[in-house]
């Protein structure tokens, strides 16, 4: 089966390079498009006492995320169609993008290796509600 547009859910972590490499290996034979999506880190999660500095922290986190996406794109050795930094529920953004941009494969990483932790992983909601194929790529130790 070949795909025309792949959506890769990445995080600001070294494992994301594995996900992009997998996407490239799938996309290259048919010159498919690749779009990367990640969640923006919310500074409220880090320190609720730093309210006056939250906007500055948010800008720094946004810039770090953009820089990481640029690094992923550079190292992909394949043209990346688009990068998206989302806020809120990642699952909702992924479903919306699949509908609006004719995405036909979503690629997610999975750090969970036991049966019980897999049942609770964040990718579960994407798999359960997706109308397109989803590829879960195991990440980390076995």
Protein backbone atom coordinates (compact mmCIF):
# COMPACT_ATOMS: atom_id res chain seq x y z
CA UNK A 1 0.00 0.00 0.00
CA UNK A 2 1.28 3.47 -0.80
CA UNK A 3 0.44 6.71 0.96
CA UNK A 4 0.21 10.24 -0.41
CA UNK A 5 0.43 12.36 2.77
CA UNK A 6 1.92 11.27 6.10
CA UNK A 7 1.40 13.08 9.40
CA UNK A 8 4.15 12.41 11.93
CA UNK A 9 3.45 13.19 15.58
CA UNK A 10 6.76 14.21 17.15
CA UNK A 11 7.92 15.45 20.53
CA UNK A 12 10.97 17.50 21.40
CA UNK A 13 13.08 14.41 22.04
CA UNK A 14 15.82 12.48 20.23
CA UNK A 15 13.40 9.62 19.47
CA UNK A 16 11.54 11.86 17.04
CA UNK A 17 14.40 11.41 14.58
CA UNK A 18 13.45 7.70 14.43
CA UNK A 19 9.85 8.63 13.58
CA UNK A 20 10.91 11.01 10.82
CA UNK A 21 13.30 8.41 9.39
CA UNK A 22 10.46 5.87 9.33
CA UNK A 23 8.19 8.38 7.59
CA UNK A 24 10.86 9.14 5.00
CA UNK A 25 11.34 5.42 4.28
CA UNK A 26 7.60 5.12 3.62
CA UNK A 27 7.23 8.40 1.70
CA UNK A 28 10.31 8.29 -0.54
CA UNK A 29 9.23 5.53 -2.99
CA UNK A 30 6.08 7.44 -3.96
CA UNK A 31 7.23 11.02 -3.27
CA UNK A 32 4.55 11.36 -0.61
CA UNK A 33 4.20 14.50 1.47
CA UNK A 34 5.31 14.54 5.10
CA UNK A 35 3.87 16.91 7.70
CA UNK A 36 5.20 17.07 11.26
CA UNK A 37 3.00 17.96 14.23
CA UNK A 38 3.98 18.52 17.84
CA UNK A 39 2.42 19.97 20.96
CA UNK A 40 3.72 23.25 22.32
CA UNK A 41 4.92 22.99 25.89
CA UNK A 42 2.74 25.05 28.19
CA UNK A 43 4.73 27.01 30.79
CA UNK A 44 1.82 26.75 33.23
CA UNK A 45 2.83 23.13 33.65
CA UNK A 46 6.25 24.14 34.94
CA UNK A 47 5.57 26.76 37.57
CA UNK A 48 2.25 28.33 38.46
CA UNK A 49 3.98 30.85 40.73
CA UNK A 50 5.78 32.56 37.87
CA UNK A 51 2.69 34.22 36.36
CA UNK A 52 4.43 37.48 35.36
CA UNK A 53 7.06 35.57 33.41
CA UNK A 54 4.73 33.08 31.69
CA UNK A 55 4.58 34.98 28.41
CA UNK A 56 8.39 35.16 28.21
CA UNK A 57 8.66 31.47 29.08
CA UNK A 58 6.01 30.64 26.47
CA UNK A 59 8.01 32.52 23.81
CA UNK A 60 11.22 30.69 24.76
CA UNK A 61 9.49 27.30 24.68
CA UNK A 62 7.88 28.13 21.32
CA UNK A 63 11.26 29.11 19.86
CA UNK A 64 12.88 25.92 21.20
CA UNK A 65 10.12 23.85 19.64
CA UNK A 66 10.47 25.65 16.30
CA UNK A 67 14.24 25.13 16.39
CA UNK A 68 13.78 21.41 17.09
CA UNK A 69 11.36 21.09 14.16
CA UNK A 70 13.87 22.88 11.90
CA UNK A 71 16.52 20.38 13.03
CA UNK A 72 14.21 17.45 12.25
CA UNK A 73 13.51 18.87 8.79
CA UNK A 74 17.22 19.44 8.08
CA UNK A 75 18.22 15.93 9.11
CA UNK A 76 15.32 14.24 7.30
CA UNK A 77 17.11 14.32 3.93
CA UNK A 78 13.65 14.53 2.37
CA UNK A 79 11.40 17.55 1.79
CA UNK A 80 8.96 18.13 4.65
CA UNK A 81 5.74 19.68 3.39
CA UNK A 82 4.71 21.43 6.63
CA UNK A 83 5.36 21.65 10.36
CA UNK A 84 2.64 22.40 12.91
CA UNK A 85 2.94 23.37 16.57
CA UNK A 86 -0.41 22.68 18.22
CA UNK A 87 -1.82 23.49 21.64
CA UNK A 88 -4.49 21.61 23.53
CA UNK A 89 -5.51 18.06 22.68
CA UNK A 90 -3.16 16.53 20.12
CA UNK A 91 -5.74 13.91 19.14
CA UNK A 92 -8.22 16.60 18.02
CA UNK A 93 -5.59 18.38 15.93
CA UNK A 94 -4.55 15.13 14.26
CA UNK A 95 -8.12 14.17 13.39
CA UNK A 96 -8.84 17.63 12.02
CA UNK A 97 -5.67 17.69 9.91
CA UNK A 98 -6.42 14.24 8.52
CA UNK A 99 -9.79 15.47 7.28
CA UNK A 100 -8.68 18.87 5.97
CA UNK A 101 -5.36 17.88 4.38
CA UNK A 102 -6.18 14.41 3.02
CA UNK A 103 -3.64 12.71 5.27
CA UNK A 104 -3.77 8.95 4.81
CA UNK A 105 -1.20 7.75 7.38
CA UNK A 106 -0.47 8.96 10.91
CA UNK A 107 2.83 7.91 12.49
CA UNK A 108 3.19 8.01 16.28
CA UNK A 109 5.85 6.84 18.69
CA UNK A 110 5.12 4.41 21.48
CA UNK A 111 7.34 4.30 24.59
CA UNK A 112 5.16 1.70 26.27
CA UNK A 113 6.18 -1.91 26.03
CA UNK A 114 4.03 -3.77 28.55
CA UNK A 115 0.47 -4.78 27.72
CA UNK A 116 -1.06 -2.65 30.47
CA UNK A 117 0.92 0.48 29.71
CA UNK A 118 0.07 0.16 26.01
CA UNK A 119 -3.60 0.20 26.88
CA UNK A 120 -3.16 3.57 28.55
CA UNK A 121 -0.78 5.22 26.08
CA UNK A 122 -1.67 8.51 24.42
CA UNK A 123 -1.56 6.95 20.97
CA UNK A 124 -4.53 4.77 21.95
CA UNK A 125 -6.97 7.65 21.48
CA UNK A 126 -5.52 8.41 18.05
CA UNK A 127 -5.83 4.77 16.97
CA UNK A 128 -9.36 4.52 18.36
CA UNK A 129 -10.71 7.62 16.63
CA UNK A 130 -8.66 7.79 13.44
CA UNK A 131 -10.33 7.31 10.08
CA UNK A 132 -6.94 6.64 8.44
CA UNK A 133 -4.14 4.15 8.98
CA UNK A 134 -1.98 4.68 12.09
CA UNK A 135 1.54 3.33 12.47
CA UNK A 136 2.85 3.00 16.03
CA UNK A 137 6.65 2.90 16.11
CA UNK A 138 8.20 1.41 19.27
CA UNK A 139 10.68 3.81 20.89
CA UNK A 140 13.17 3.37 23.69
CA UNK A 141 14.34 0.16 25.34
CA UNK A 142 12.64 -3.16 24.97
